[in-house]
Amino acid sequence: MWYQLMLALYRCGRRGEALELYAEVSGIFRGELGVDPGTDLRRLHLAMLRTDESLLARSA
């Protein structure tokens, strides 16, 4: 769910909000559960930081 929300925000041009969401989710995972976010979520975060064009929706 978090992955999809972050990706949707990013694709809508709301990169800052997507990155803030990752920070919030990471804090919850670490603080309440004692774990780091999963690999997919961490990779998405890094791709957003790099402004990876592969994250943009492709037209059919």
PDB file of N, CA and C in Angstrom:
ATOM      1  N   MET A   1       0.811  -1.178   0.000  1.00  0.00           N
ATOM      2  CA  MET A   1       0.000   0.000   0.000  1.00  0.00           C
ATOM      3  C   MET A   1       0.868   1.261   0.000  1.00  0.00           C
ATOM      4  N   TRP A   2       1.875   1.296   0.853  1.00  0.00           N
ATOM      5  CA  TRP A   2       2.744   2.482   0.923  1.00  0.00           C
ATOM      6  C   TRP A   2       3.474   2.692  -0.393  1.00  0.00           C
ATOM      7  N   TYR A   3       3.924   1.615  -0.999  1.00  0.00           N
ATOM      8  CA  TYR A   3       4.632   1.690  -2.275  1.00  0.00           C
ATOM      9  C   TYR A   3       3.746   2.357  -3.326  1.00  0.00           C
ATOM     10  N   GLN A   4       2.517   1.891  -3.435  1.00  0.00           N
ATOM     11  CA  GLN A   4       1.595   2.419  -4.440  1.00  0.00           C
ATOM     12  C   GLN A   4       1.284   3.890  -4.188  1.00  0.00           C
ATOM     13  N   LEU A   5       1.103   4.263  -2.940  1.00  0.00           N
ATOM     14  CA  LEU A   5       0.807   5.655  -2.606  1.00  0.00           C
ATOM     15  C   LEU A   5       2.001   6.549  -2.926  1.00  0.00           C
ATOM     16  N   MET A   6       3.190   6.122  -2.558  1.00  0.00           N
ATOM     17  CA  MET A   6       4.390   6.906  -2.870  1.00  0.00           C
ATOM     18  C   MET A   6       4.560   7.066  -4.372  1.00  0.00           C
ATOM     19  N   LEU A   7       4.363   5.999  -5.109  1.00  0.00           N
ATOM     20  CA  LEU A   7       4.519   6.045  -6.556  1.00  0.00           C
ATOM     21  C   LEU A   7       3.472   6.964  -7.190  1.00  0.00           C
ATOM     22  N   ALA A   8       2.242   6.899  -6.712  1.00  0.00           N
ATOM     23  CA  ALA A   8       1.183   7.760  -7.244  1.00  0.00           C
ATOM     24  C   ALA A   8       1.505   9.230  -6.983  1.00  0.00           C
ATOM     25  N   LEU A   9       1.955   9.536  -5.787  1.00  0.00           N
ATOM     26  CA  LEU A   9       2.333  10.915  -5.471  1.00  0.00           C
ATOM     27  C   LEU A   9       3.456  11.387  -6.388  1.00  0.00           C
ATOM     28  N   TYR A  10       4.442  10.543  -6.560  1.00  0.00           N
ATOM     29  CA  TYR A  10       5.587  10.884  -7.408  1.00  0.00           C
ATOM     30  C   TYR A  10       5.139  11.147  -8.848  1.00  0.00           C
ATOM     31  N   ARG A  11       4.308  10.286  -9.362  1.00  0.00           N
ATOM     32  CA  ARG A  11       3.844  10.415 -10.746  1.00  0.00           C
ATOM     33  C   ARG A  11       2.941  11.632 -10.940  1.00  0.00           C
ATOM     34  N   CYS A  12       2.334  12.120  -9.875  1.00  0.00           N
ATOM     35  CA  CYS A  12       1.493  13.313  -9.950  1.00  0.00           C
ATOM     36  C   CYS A  12       2.306  14.594  -9.769  1.00  0.00           C
ATOM     37  N   GLY A  13       3.613  14.446  -9.693  1.00  0.00           N
ATOM     38  CA  GLY A  13       4.468  15.609  -9.526  1.00  0.00           C
ATOM     39  C   GLY A  13       4.612  16.066  -8.085  1.00  0.00           C
ATOM     40  N   ARG A  14       4.260  15.194  -7.162  1.00  0.00           N
ATOM     41  CA  ARG A  14       4.331  15.535  -5.736  1.00  0.00           C
ATOM     42  C   ARG A  14       5.476  14.766  -5.077  1.00  0.00           C
ATOM     43  N   ARG A  15       6.667  14.929  -5.650  1.00  0.00           N
ATOM     44  CA  ARG A  15       7.867  14.206  -5.212  1.00  0.00           C
ATOM     45  C   ARG A  15       8.166  14.456  -3.732  1.00  0.00           C
ATOM     46  N   GLY A  16       8.081  15.714  -3.326  1.00  0.00           N
ATOM     47  CA  GLY A  16       8.353  16.050  -1.927  1.00  0.00           C
ATOM     48  C   GLY A  16       7.452  15.313  -0.959  1.00  0.00           C
ATOM     49  N   GLU A  17       6.181  15.241  -1.296  1.00  0.00           N
ATOM     50  CA  GLU A  17       5.233  14.531  -0.434  1.00  0.00           C
ATOM     51  C   GLU A  17       5.519  13.036  -0.411  1.00  0.00           C
ATOM     52  N   ALA A  18       5.914  12.497  -1.546  1.00  0.00           N
ATOM     53  CA  ALA A  18       6.251  11.072  -1.605  1.00  0.00           C
ATOM     54  C   ALA A  18       7.459  10.780  -0.717  1.00  0.00           C
ATOM     55  N   LEU A  19       8.456  11.652  -0.759  1.00  0.00           N
ATOM     56  CA  LEU A  19       9.649  11.459   0.071  1.00  0.00           C
ATOM     57  C   LEU A  19       9.335  11.658   1.548  1.00  0.00           C
ATOM     58  N   GLU A  20       8.464  12.607   1.858  1.00  0.00           N
ATOM     59  CA  GLU A  20       8.041  12.795   3.256  1.00  0.00           C
ATOM     60  C   GLU A  20       7.297  11.569   3.770  1.00  0.00           C
ATOM     61  N   LEU A  21       6.480  10.987   2.912  1.00  0.00           N
ATOM     62  CA  LEU A  21       5.737   9.782   3.290  1.00  0.00           C
ATOM     63  C   LEU A  21       6.707   8.650   3.624  1.00  0.00           C
ATOM     64  N   TYR A  22       7.753   8.504   2.815  1.00  0.00           N
ATOM     65  CA  TYR A  22       8.744   7.463   3.104  1.00  0.00           C
ATOM     66  C   TYR A  22       9.373   7.690   4.478  1.00  0.00           C
ATOM     67  N   ALA A  23       9.718   8.938   4.778  1.00  0.00           N
ATOM     68  CA  ALA A  23      10.321   9.247   6.077  1.00  0.00           C
ATOM     69  C   ALA A  23       9.363   8.903   7.218  1.00  0.00           C
ATOM     70  N   GLU A  24       8.095   9.222   7.031  1.00  0.00           N
ATOM     71  CA  GLU A  24       7.092   8.920   8.051  1.00  0.00           C
ATOM     72  C   GLU A  24       6.922   7.409   8.236  1.00  0.00           C
ATOM     73  N   VAL A  25       6.797   6.701   7.133  1.00  0.00           N
ATOM     74  CA  VAL A  25       6.612   5.248   7.183  1.00  0.00           C
ATOM     75  C   VAL A  25       7.843   4.574   7.792  1.00  0.00           C
ATOM     76  N   SER A  26       9.019   5.028   7.398  1.00  0.00           N
ATOM     77  CA  SER A  26      10.253   4.465   7.956  1.00  0.00           C
ATOM     78  C   SER A  26      10.296   4.637   9.469  1.00  0.00           C
ATOM     79  N   GLY A  27       9.893   5.828   9.922  1.00  0.00           N
ATOM     80  CA  GLY A  27       9.870   6.084  11.359  1.00  0.00           C
ATOM     81  C   GLY A  27       8.910   5.168  12.097  1.00  0.00           C
ATOM     82  N   ILE A  28       7.763   4.940  11.504  1.00  0.00           N
ATOM     83  CA  ILE A  28       6.772   4.038  12.115  1.00  0.00           C
ATOM     84  C   ILE A  28       7.321   2.616  12.168  1.00  0.00           C
ATOM     85  N   PHE A  29       7.858   2.154  11.043  1.00  0.00           N
ATOM     86  CA  PHE A  29       8.405   0.795  11.004  1.00  0.00           C
ATOM     87  C   PHE A  29       9.492   0.606  12.055  1.00  0.00           C
ATOM     88  N   ARG A  30      10.405   1.553  12.121  1.00  0.00           N
ATOM     89  CA  ARG A  30      11.536   1.425  13.045  1.00  0.00           C
ATOM     90  C   ARG A  30      11.102   1.617  14.498  1.00  0.00           C
ATOM     91  N   GLY A  31      10.283   2.640  14.727  1.00  0.00           N
ATOM     92  CA  GLY A  31       9.882   2.963  16.092  1.00  0.00           C
ATOM     93  C   GLY A  31       8.919   1.972  16.706  1.00  0.00           C
ATOM     94  N   GLU A  32       7.910   1.584  15.956  1.00  0.00           N
ATOM     95  CA  GLU A  32       6.863   0.726  16.507  1.00  0.00           C
ATOM     96  C   GLU A  32       7.101  -0.759  16.275  1.00  0.00           C
ATOM     97  N   LEU A  33       7.760  -1.082  15.162  1.00  0.00           N
ATOM     98  CA  LEU A  33       7.942  -2.490  14.834  1.00  0.00           C
ATOM     99  C   LEU A  33       9.382  -2.969  14.984  1.00  0.00           C
ATOM    100  N   GLY A  34      10.318  -2.014  15.030  1.00  0.00           N
ATOM    101  CA  GLY A  34      11.725  -2.379  15.171  1.00  0.00           C
ATOM    102  C   GLY A  34      12.334  -2.976  13.913  1.00  0.00           C
ATOM    103  N   VAL A  35      11.767  -2.641  12.745  1.00  0.00           N
ATOM    104  CA  VAL A  35      12.286  -3.160  11.480  1.00  0.00           C
ATOM    105  C   VAL A  35      12.454  -2.011  10.490  1.00  0.00           C
ATOM    106  N   ASP A  36      13.268  -2.236   9.478  1.00  0.00           N
ATOM    107  CA  ASP A  36      13.422  -1.284   8.389  1.00  0.00           C
ATOM    108  C   ASP A  36      12.372  -1.569   7.320  1.00  0.00           C
ATOM    109  N   PRO A  37      12.058  -0.572   6.496  1.00  0.00           N
ATOM    110  CA  PRO A  37      11.150  -0.830   5.379  1.00  0.00           C
ATOM    111  C   PRO A  37      11.709  -1.932   4.479  1.00  0.00           C
ATOM    112  N   GLY A  38      10.838  -2.600   3.756  1.00  0.00           N
ATOM    113  CA  GLY A  38      11.245  -3.688   2.871  1.00  0.00           C
ATOM    114  C   GLY A  38      12.081  -3.205   1.701  1.00  0.00           C
ATOM    115  N   THR A  39      12.675  -4.143   1.020  1.00  0.00           N
ATOM    116  CA  THR A  39      13.559  -3.860  -0.107  1.00  0.00           C
ATOM    117  C   THR A  39      12.868  -3.048  -1.189  1.00  0.00           C
ATOM    118  N   ASP A  40      11.658  -3.406  -1.558  1.00  0.00           N
ATOM    119  CA  ASP A  40      10.948  -2.691  -2.623  1.00  0.00           C
ATOM    120  C   ASP A  40      10.732  -1.226  -2.262  1.00  0.00           C
ATOM    121  N   LEU A  41      10.338  -0.969  -1.039  1.00  0.00           N
ATOM    122  CA  LEU A  41      10.096   0.403  -0.615  1.00  0.00           C
ATOM    123  C   LEU A  41      11.397   1.195  -0.570  1.00  0.00           C
ATOM    124  N   ARG A  42      12.473   0.578  -0.116  1.00  0.00           N
ATOM    125  CA  ARG A  42      13.777   1.262  -0.086  1.00  0.00           C
ATOM    126  C   ARG A  42      14.267   1.557  -1.495  1.00  0.00           C
ATOM    127  N   ARG A  43      14.076   0.623  -2.417  1.00  0.00           N
ATOM    128  CA  ARG A  43      14.486   0.851  -3.813  1.00  0.00           C
ATOM    129  C   ARG A  43      13.682   1.976  -4.450  1.00  0.00           C
ATOM    130  N   LEU A  44      12.393   2.011  -4.170  1.00  0.00           N
ATOM    131  CA  LEU A  44      11.555   3.088  -4.691  1.00  0.00           C
ATOM    132  C   LEU A  44      12.040   4.433  -4.160  1.00  0.00           C
ATOM    133  N   HIS A  45      12.336   4.484  -2.885  1.00  0.00           N
ATOM    134  CA  HIS A  45      12.835   5.715  -2.272  1.00  0.00           C
ATOM    135  C   HIS A  45      14.120   6.181  -2.954  1.00  0.00           C
ATOM    136  N   LEU A  46      15.049   5.275  -3.154  1.00  0.00           N
ATOM    137  CA  LEU A  46      16.301   5.637  -3.816  1.00  0.00           C
ATOM    138  C   LEU A  46      16.065   6.096  -5.257  1.00  0.00           C
ATOM    139  N   ALA A  47      15.168   5.436  -5.957  1.00  0.00           N
ATOM    140  CA  ALA A  47      14.861   5.831  -7.336  1.00  0.00           C
ATOM    141  C   ALA A  47      14.260   7.238  -7.363  1.00  0.00           C
ATOM    142  N   MET A  48      13.431   7.551  -6.384  1.00  0.00           N
ATOM    143  CA  MET A  48      12.857   8.893  -6.303  1.00  0.00           C
ATOM    144  C   MET A  48      13.926   9.937  -6.020  1.00  0.00           C
ATOM    145  N   LEU A  49      14.851   9.593  -5.152  1.00  0.00           N
ATOM    146  CA  LEU A  49      15.943  10.521  -4.846  1.00  0.00           C
ATOM    147  C   LEU A  49      16.791  10.793  -6.079  1.00  0.00           C
ATOM    148  N   ARG A  50      16.925   9.792  -6.931  1.00  0.00           N
ATOM    149  CA  ARG A  50      17.714   9.916  -8.165  1.00  0.00           C
ATOM    150  C   ARG A  50      16.909  10.512  -9.323  1.00  0.00           C
ATOM    151  N   THR A  51      15.619  10.754  -9.089  1.00  0.00           N
ATOM    152  CA  THR A  51      14.706  11.220 -10.137  1.00  0.00           C
ATOM    153  C   THR A  51      14.759  10.267 -11.333  1.00  0.00           C
ATOM    154  N   ASP A  52      14.645   9.002 -11.033  1.00  0.00           N
ATOM    155  CA  ASP A  52      14.711   7.935 -12.030  1.00  0.00           C
ATOM    156  C   ASP A  52      13.502   8.007 -12.959  1.00  0.00           C
ATOM    157  N   GLU A  53      13.750   8.213 -14.245  1.00  0.00           N
ATOM    158  CA  GLU A  53      12.664   8.356 -15.219  1.00  0.00           C
ATOM    159  C   GLU A  53      11.856   7.075 -15.406  1.00  0.00           C
ATOM    160  N   SER A  54      12.397   5.953 -15.015  1.00  0.00           N
ATOM    161  CA  SER A  54      11.658   4.686 -15.156  1.00  0.00           C
ATOM    162  C   SER A  54      10.428   4.649 -14.252  1.00  0.00           C
ATOM    163  N   LEU A  55      10.352   5.535 -13.272  1.00  0.00           N
ATOM    164  CA  LEU A  55       9.200   5.567 -12.374  1.00  0.00           C
ATOM    165  C   LEU A  55       7.983   6.217 -13.006  1.00  0.00           C
ATOM    166  N   LEU A  56       8.204   6.972 -14.062  1.00  0.00           N
ATOM    167  CA  LEU A  56       7.083   7.657 -14.702  1.00  0.00           C
ATOM    168  C   LEU A  56       6.227   6.656 -15.469  1.00  0.00           C
ATOM    169  N   ALA A  57       4.945   6.885 -15.455  1.00  0.00           N
ATOM    170  CA  ALA A  57       4.010   5.984 -16.165  1.00  0.00           C
ATOM    171  C   ALA A  57       4.297   6.018 -17.659  1.00  0.00           C
ATOM    172  N   ARG A  58       4.236   4.878 -18.270  1.00  0.00           N
ATOM    173  CA  ARG A  58       4.456   4.774 -19.706  1.00  0.00           C
ATOM    174  C   ARG A  58       3.099   4.682 -20.391  1.00  0.00           C
ATOM    175  N   SER A  59       2.998   5.317 -21.530  1.00  0.00           N
ATOM    176  CA  SER A  59       1.745   5.233 -22.286  1.00  0.00           C
ATOM    177  C   SER A  59       1.736   3.954 -23.117  1.00  0.00           C
ATOM    178  N   ALA A  60       0.549   3.428 -23.341  1.00  0.00           N
ATOM    179  CA  ALA A  60       0.425   2.153 -24.071  1.00  0.00           C
ATOM    180  C   ALA A  60       0.581   2.307 -25.551  1.00  0.00           C
TER     181      ALA A  60
END
